[in-house]
Amino acid sequence: MQPEAQTEAAMNRIWWAAAGVATGIGLIQPAWGWEESFESGLGGWTTNGLWGLTTAASVSPSHSAADSPGGYYTNGAESALTLNAGIDLASLVRPALRFETRHFLEAGFDFMSVEGSTNAGTTWFNLETLTGTRPDWRRHQVSLAARTGGGPLLLRCRLTADASVAM
């Protein structure tokens, strides 16, 4: 068993965009778009486990959401940060989800998954899974084009840890 280390599977600047919408880092310009920088708190999200806000690291002015802000996640942890209201993708052309993360997870055993649901959270599908250590913020982009025919899209970030070595 390795010694515990400070962890933070952190999520920051999440946004949806569709073709023709100008996007910069966290900026949505004309027509359609949605952005979450966590600067206004977690009011639009449901949390379970230890998910909360942190100011320890961020790409937006000062806040990000983290699975265990200021501490360690526990062995066997299972926690999620879930968007409360779905986003209607039905009329969009080539919609995409963009988000930025950094993480300190036991490689191959502990995971942060970004998941979606188009049936109000009854079932979830994987959009991206992260494991291992990435101390610098990284931007991710996932096409949502295959999801435009379902119901409104919910998003969740889920931490899953095995029964040993929490980081």
Foldseek 3Di string as FASTA:
>chain_A
DDDADFKWWWWAKKKKDFPPWDDDRNDTDDDDMDIDGCPVFLVQKDKDQQWGWDQPDGPPPGIIITNHHPGWHAAFDKMKIKGNDFAQLQPGHFMKMKIKTFTAAAAPFKKKFKWKDQPNPPDIDTQDIDHHGGHDIDMDMGTCNVVNPGHGMMIMIIIGGHRDHID
